[in-house]
Structure formats: C-alpha cells, structure tokens
Amino acid sequence: SKHSSASRSSKKCQLEEGGYDKLEIISKPNTHENPDVFALDPYGSSDFFCKICMEELSNVYLHCMGCEKLLGKDFNICVTCHSEGEYRDFFQMHPFDSKRRAELNHTGNMKKDNKARCKCKNGRLCTFCGYCTGCSCKCHRWFGLYYRFMSMQEERDLLSQAE
C-alpha cells in the first residue's frame, strides 16, 4: 500500500544523499485539524495535486517543510515522486523571480555544504538549517508525510470492520 511504502521510504530517507534528506511522519490527519485555523481544506482539490507529476494526491502525500518555512507556500508531492527523488530539483515558486535561492524557490538540488562566509555571495545563512540560501540550503529536502483523511491505523480499523 502507499502508506507502507511511504513509511519504509521515511526510514531510509536520512541514509541517502549524505543524510540531508529528512522525512517526518505527521500522525494527525488534515481532517482532524481545526478548520478555523488550518489553512488547507482536505475535502477541496486546490492544493492536492502533485507539484511534479500533477497526479491527484489521495490520502497520503508529502509536504516540503522548506517551502512552508522559507516561502510560506505549499509544495505537496505524491509518494512516488518522493521515493524516486524527483524533489531533488529546482522548481520555480516565485511568480517573477527564477533565481536559484532557497528563500525564493524550491531548491532541492543544492549539493554544496557552505555555511559561514560562503564564497558564492548569492545568499545569506538560512535561519533553519544554517547553510547558505544561495548554494547550500538543505531545507527543501525536508518533508512531512501527511494524511489527508485518515491515519494508517484508522484505515486498518475501517478495513477490519468491513471484513
């Protein structure tokens, strides 16, 4: 199932690419959030398409924490695109600026490890990961695994009731 493969993916995620990829499982489904303060409507369709392959996101999806923290935008992707590493690329999120800077766009393809006094002179130190936002920021490789409607345990309970 997609839940199982997503959970397995989360366990091996930190071992790949030098340990910079992170995946946190968010156990509370979107439908359990307070609709007065939660920005997403889990029953709506506006934010529930994969930003990479454009497939509709079913119950399980991944949310870029870098885009959330640095850009204040949603970058939601499907389990398949995440497991294939498709997020490790550049995606323009700013409507007018296509610069490769973490505070403007999704920059999952930064491979350098520059912190203080970066030679690139393209960015500043990221307040979240401590790397240069112009060439080394790791935030766009940190994802949260979310459940849109129900958790894995709730799905198992529903299945056992149906059997």
C-alpha atoms as a PDB file:
ATOM      1  CA  SER A   1       0.000   0.000   0.000  1.00  0.00           C
ATOM      2  CA  LYS A   2       1.035   3.644  -0.378  1.00  0.00           C
ATOM      3  CA  HIS A   3       1.111   4.045   3.406  1.00  0.00           C
ATOM      4  CA  SER A   4       3.530   1.179   3.852  1.00  0.00           C
ATOM      5  CA  SER A   5       5.852   2.295   1.076  1.00  0.00           C
ATOM      6  CA  ALA A   6       5.825   5.855   2.399  1.00  0.00           C
ATOM      7  CA  SER A   7       6.729   4.633   5.892  1.00  0.00           C
ATOM      8  CA  ARG A   8       9.564   2.489   4.531  1.00  0.00           C
ATOM      9  CA  SER A   9      10.764   5.445   2.496  1.00  0.00           C
ATOM     10  CA  SER A  10      10.854   7.620   5.612  1.00  0.00           C
ATOM     11  CA  LYS A  11      13.099   5.166   7.435  1.00  0.00           C
ATOM     12  CA  LYS A  12      15.725   5.037   4.687  1.00  0.00           C
ATOM     13  CA  CYS A  13      15.429   8.694   3.691  1.00  0.00           C
ATOM     14  CA  GLN A  14      18.051  10.034   6.091  1.00  0.00           C
ATOM     15  CA  LEU A  15      20.612   7.484   4.946  1.00  0.00           C
ATOM     16  CA  GLU A  16      20.631   8.762   1.363  1.00  0.00           C
ATOM     17  CA  GLU A  17      22.390  11.807  -0.083  1.00  0.00           C
ATOM     18  CA  GLY A  18      24.688  12.433   2.855  1.00  0.00           C
ATOM     19  CA  GLY A  19      21.939  12.372   5.459  1.00  0.00           C
ATOM     20  CA  TYR A  20      20.393  15.724   4.466  1.00  0.00           C
ATOM     21  CA  ASP A  21      17.037  14.330   3.380  1.00  0.00           C
ATOM     22  CA  LYS A  22      14.533  14.188   6.210  1.00  0.00           C
ATOM     23  CA  LEU A  23      11.023  12.856   6.442  1.00  0.00           C
ATOM     24  CA  GLU A  24       8.808  13.339   9.448  1.00  0.00           C
ATOM     25  CA  ILE A  25       5.545  11.427   9.779  1.00  0.00           C
ATOM     26  CA  ILE A  26       2.707  13.732  10.863  1.00  0.00           C
ATOM     27  CA  SER A  27       0.242  11.398  12.558  1.00  0.00           C
ATOM     28  CA  LYS A  28      -2.737  13.761  12.771  1.00  0.00           C
ATOM     29  CA  PRO A  29      -4.782  13.700   9.532  1.00  0.00           C
ATOM     30  CA  ASN A  30      -5.803  17.014   7.962  1.00  0.00           C
ATOM     31  CA  THR A  31      -9.488  16.260   8.640  1.00  0.00           C
ATOM     32  CA  HIS A  32      -8.756  16.248  12.389  1.00  0.00           C
ATOM     33  CA  GLU A  33      -7.387  19.810  12.308  1.00  0.00           C
ATOM     34  CA  ASN A  34      -9.415  22.834  13.377  1.00  0.00           C
ATOM     35  CA  PRO A  35     -10.795  24.292  10.117  1.00  0.00           C
ATOM     36  CA  ASP A  36     -10.805  27.802  11.619  1.00  0.00           C
ATOM     37  CA  VAL A  37      -7.000  27.830  11.899  1.00  0.00           C
ATOM     38  CA  PHE A  38      -5.848  25.139   9.431  1.00  0.00           C
ATOM     39  CA  ALA A  39      -5.162  26.665   6.005  1.00  0.00           C
ATOM     40  CA  LEU A  40      -5.941  23.571   3.898  1.00  0.00           C
ATOM     41  CA  ASP A  41      -9.335  22.105   3.135  1.00  0.00           C
ATOM     42  CA  PRO A  42      -8.748  18.332   2.962  1.00  0.00           C
ATOM     43  CA  TYR A  43     -12.011  17.893   1.035  1.00  0.00           C
ATOM     44  CA  GLY A  44     -11.097  20.548  -1.529  1.00  0.00           C
ATOM     45  CA  SER A  45      -8.915  19.906  -4.524  1.00  0.00           C
ATOM     46  CA  SER A  46      -6.911  23.110  -4.910  1.00  0.00           C
ATOM     47  CA  ASP A  47      -3.757  22.021  -3.039  1.00  0.00           C
ATOM     48  CA  PHE A  48      -3.990  18.295  -3.557  1.00  0.00           C
ATOM     49  CA  PHE A  49      -2.169  17.733  -6.826  1.00  0.00           C
ATOM     50  CA  CYS A  50       1.450  16.651  -7.000  1.00  0.00           C
ATOM     51  CA  LYS A  51       3.579  19.674  -7.962  1.00  0.00           C
ATOM     52  CA  ILE A  52       5.827  17.384 -10.017  1.00  0.00           C
ATOM     53  CA  CYS A  53       3.649  14.878 -11.908  1.00  0.00           C
ATOM     54  CA  MET A  54       0.277  16.633 -11.430  1.00  0.00           C
ATOM     55  CA  GLU A  55      -1.408  13.436 -10.150  1.00  0.00           C
ATOM     56  CA  GLU A  56      -4.188  13.995  -7.640  1.00  0.00           C
ATOM     57  CA  LEU A  57      -2.995  13.336  -4.096  1.00  0.00           C
ATOM     58  CA  SER A  58      -5.120  10.745  -2.365  1.00  0.00           C
ATOM     59  CA  ASN A  59      -4.867  10.164   1.372  1.00  0.00           C
ATOM     60  CA  VAL A  60      -1.065  10.135   1.701  1.00  0.00           C
ATOM     61  CA  TYR A  61       1.128  12.980   0.457  1.00  0.00           C
ATOM     62  CA  LEU A  62       4.411  14.706   1.257  1.00  0.00           C
ATOM     63  CA  HIS A  63       4.790  18.381   2.071  1.00  0.00           C
ATOM     64  CA  CYS A  64       8.061  20.298   1.678  1.00  0.00           C
ATOM     65  CA  MET A  65       8.896  21.870   5.026  1.00  0.00           C
ATOM     66  CA  GLY A  66      11.410  24.226   3.361  1.00  0.00           C
ATOM     67  CA  CYS A  67       8.728  25.715   1.121  1.00  0.00           C
ATOM     68  CA  GLU A  68       6.457  26.057   4.141  1.00  0.00           C
ATOM     69  CA  LYS A  69       9.061  27.730   6.387  1.00  0.00           C
ATOM     70  CA  LEU A  70      11.019  29.818   3.878  1.00  0.00           C
ATOM     71  CA  LEU A  71       8.411  30.638   1.233  1.00  0.00           C
ATOM     72  CA  GLY A  72       5.124  30.327   3.108  1.00  0.00           C
ATOM     73  CA  LYS A  73       3.867  28.127   0.235  1.00  0.00           C
ATOM     74  CA  ASP A  74       2.680  24.577  -0.234  1.00  0.00           C
ATOM     75  CA  PHE A  75       4.814  22.174  -2.217  1.00  0.00           C
ATOM     76  CA  ASN A  76       2.892  18.909  -1.989  1.00  0.00           C
ATOM     77  CA  ILE A  77       4.043  15.816  -3.863  1.00  0.00           C
ATOM     78  CA  CYS A  78       2.993  12.199  -4.242  1.00  0.00           C
ATOM     79  CA  VAL A  79       4.724   9.244  -2.617  1.00  0.00           C
ATOM     80  CA  THR A  80       6.051   8.029  -5.981  1.00  0.00           C
ATOM     81  CA  CYS A  81       7.775  11.315  -6.863  1.00  0.00           C
ATOM     82  CA  HIS A  82       9.302  11.495  -3.393  1.00  0.00           C
ATOM     83  CA  SER A  83      10.547   7.905  -3.417  1.00  0.00           C
ATOM     84  CA  GLU A  84      12.113   8.479  -6.847  1.00  0.00           C
ATOM     85  CA  GLY A  85      13.884  11.614  -5.563  1.00  0.00           C
ATOM     86  CA  GLU A  86      12.119  13.931  -8.026  1.00  0.00           C
ATOM     87  CA  TYR A  87      12.010  16.689  -5.375  1.00  0.00           C
ATOM     88  CA  ARG A  88      15.817  16.987  -5.561  1.00  0.00           C
ATOM     89  CA  ASP A  89      15.481  19.529  -8.338  1.00  0.00           C
ATOM     90  CA  PHE A  90      14.697  23.211  -8.850  1.00  0.00           C
ATOM     91  CA  PHE A  91      11.043  24.298  -9.088  1.00  0.00           C
ATOM     92  CA  GLN A  92      10.163  27.942  -9.541  1.00  0.00           C
ATOM     93  CA  MET A  93       7.707  29.012  -6.849  1.00  0.00           C
ATOM     94  CA  HIS A  94       8.145  32.786  -7.079  1.00  0.00           C
ATOM     95  CA  PRO A  95       5.863  34.258  -9.752  1.00  0.00           C
ATOM     96  CA  PHE A  96       8.549  36.551 -11.257  1.00  0.00           C
ATOM     97  CA  ASP A  97      11.958  35.553  -9.910  1.00  0.00           C
ATOM     98  CA  SER A  98      13.626  32.393 -11.181  1.00  0.00           C
ATOM     99  CA  LYS A  99      16.830  32.784  -9.152  1.00  0.00           C
ATOM    100  CA  ARG A 100      18.184  29.640  -7.564  1.00  0.00           C
ATOM    101  CA  ARG A 101      17.779  30.845  -3.989  1.00  0.00           C
ATOM    102  CA  ALA A 102      16.101  28.883  -1.208  1.00  0.00           C
ATOM    103  CA  GLU A 103      14.103  31.834   0.093  1.00  0.00           C
ATOM    104  CA  LEU A 104      12.535  32.384  -3.370  1.00  0.00           C
ATOM    105  CA  ASN A 105      12.026  28.937  -4.913  1.00  0.00           C
ATOM    106  CA  HIS A 106      12.099  25.200  -4.182  1.00  0.00           C
ATOM    107  CA  THR A 107      15.783  24.313  -4.412  1.00  0.00           C
ATOM    108  CA  GLY A 108      16.055  20.603  -3.658  1.00  0.00           C
ATOM    109  CA  ASN A 109      19.145  20.325  -5.864  1.00  0.00           C
ATOM    110  CA  MET A 110      21.685  22.225  -3.753  1.00  0.00           C
ATOM    111  CA  LYS A 111      24.668  19.941  -3.181  1.00  0.00           C
ATOM    112  CA  LYS A 112      27.274  22.220  -1.621  1.00  0.00           C
ATOM    113  CA  ASP A 113      27.906  22.405   2.127  1.00  0.00           C
ATOM    114  CA  ASN A 114      28.713  26.078   2.650  1.00  0.00           C
ATOM    115  CA  LYS A 115      27.887  27.691   5.935  1.00  0.00           C
ATOM    116  CA  ALA A 116      29.589  30.825   7.298  1.00  0.00           C
ATOM    117  CA  ARG A 117      31.320  33.205   4.855  1.00  0.00           C
ATOM    118  CA  CYS A 118      30.109  31.480   1.732  1.00  0.00           C
ATOM    119  CA  LYS A 119      32.081  32.282  -1.396  1.00  0.00           C
ATOM    120  CA  CYS A 120      29.041  32.271  -3.690  1.00  0.00           C
ATOM    121  CA  LYS A 121      27.783  35.647  -2.342  1.00  0.00           C
ATOM    122  CA  ASN A 122      24.265  34.733  -3.566  1.00  0.00           C
ATOM    123  CA  GLY A 123      22.539  34.295  -0.239  1.00  0.00           C
ATOM    124  CA  ARG A 124      22.612  34.573   3.494  1.00  0.00           C
ATOM    125  CA  LEU A 125      22.723  31.890   6.160  1.00  0.00           C
ATOM    126  CA  CYS A 126      19.407  30.083   6.455  1.00  0.00           C
ATOM    127  CA  THR A 127      17.845  30.538   9.894  1.00  0.00           C
ATOM    128  CA  PHE A 128      16.564  26.937   9.856  1.00  0.00           C
ATOM    129  CA  CYS A 129      19.401  24.752   8.535  1.00  0.00           C
ATOM    130  CA  GLY A 130      22.379  27.127   8.867  1.00  0.00           C
ATOM    131  CA  TYR A 131      23.551  26.703   5.265  1.00  0.00           C
ATOM    132  CA  CYS A 132      23.862  29.377   2.550  1.00  0.00           C
ATOM    133  CA  THR A 133      20.472  30.044   0.889  1.00  0.00           C
ATOM    134  CA  GLY A 134      22.209  30.732  -2.436  1.00  0.00           C
ATOM    135  CA  CYS A 135      24.038  27.431  -2.900  1.00  0.00           C
ATOM    136  CA  SER A 136      23.718  25.016   0.026  1.00  0.00           C
ATOM    137  CA  CYS A 137      20.364  25.247   1.883  1.00  0.00           C
ATOM    138  CA  LYS A 138      19.033  21.822   2.932  1.00  0.00           C
ATOM    139  CA  CYS A 139      15.504  22.896   3.923  1.00  0.00           C
ATOM    140  CA  HIS A 140      13.882  21.914   0.610  1.00  0.00           C
ATOM    141  CA  ARG A 141      14.899  18.303   1.215  1.00  0.00           C
ATOM    142  CA  TRP A 142      12.938  18.089   4.463  1.00  0.00           C
ATOM    143  CA  PHE A 143       9.419  16.723   4.079  1.00  0.00           C
ATOM    144  CA  GLY A 144       6.448  15.893   6.227  1.00  0.00           C
ATOM    145  CA  LEU A 145       4.358  12.822   5.394  1.00  0.00           C
ATOM    146  CA  TYR A 146       0.736  13.843   5.845  1.00  0.00           C
ATOM    147  CA  TYR A 147      -2.569  12.025   5.850  1.00  0.00           C
ATOM    148  CA  ARG A 148      -5.371  13.900   4.175  1.00  0.00           C
ATOM    149  CA  PHE A 149      -8.371  11.993   5.536  1.00  0.00           C
ATOM    150  CA  MET A 150      -7.356   9.250   7.974  1.00  0.00           C
ATOM    151  CA  SER A 151      -4.258   7.757   9.540  1.00  0.00           C
ATOM    152  CA  MET A 152      -2.893   4.338   8.649  1.00  0.00           C
ATOM    153  CA  GLN A 153      -4.371   2.877  11.836  1.00  0.00           C
ATOM    154  CA  GLU A 154      -7.805   4.346  11.051  1.00  0.00           C
ATOM    155  CA  GLU A 155      -7.628   2.749   7.592  1.00  0.00           C
ATOM    156  CA  ARG A 156      -6.729  -0.618   9.131  1.00  0.00           C
ATOM    157  CA  ASP A 157      -9.633  -0.322  11.590  1.00  0.00           C
ATOM    158  CA  LEU A 158     -12.033   0.532   8.775  1.00  0.00           C
ATOM    159  CA  LEU A 159     -10.798  -2.424   6.736  1.00  0.00           C
ATOM    160  CA  SER A 160     -11.216  -4.841   9.632  1.00  0.00           C
ATOM    161  CA  GLN A 161     -14.772  -3.564  10.222  1.00  0.00           C
ATOM    162  CA  ALA A 162     -15.594  -4.164   6.556  1.00  0.00           C
ATOM    163  CA  GLU A 163     -14.263  -7.739   6.638  1.00  0.00           C
END
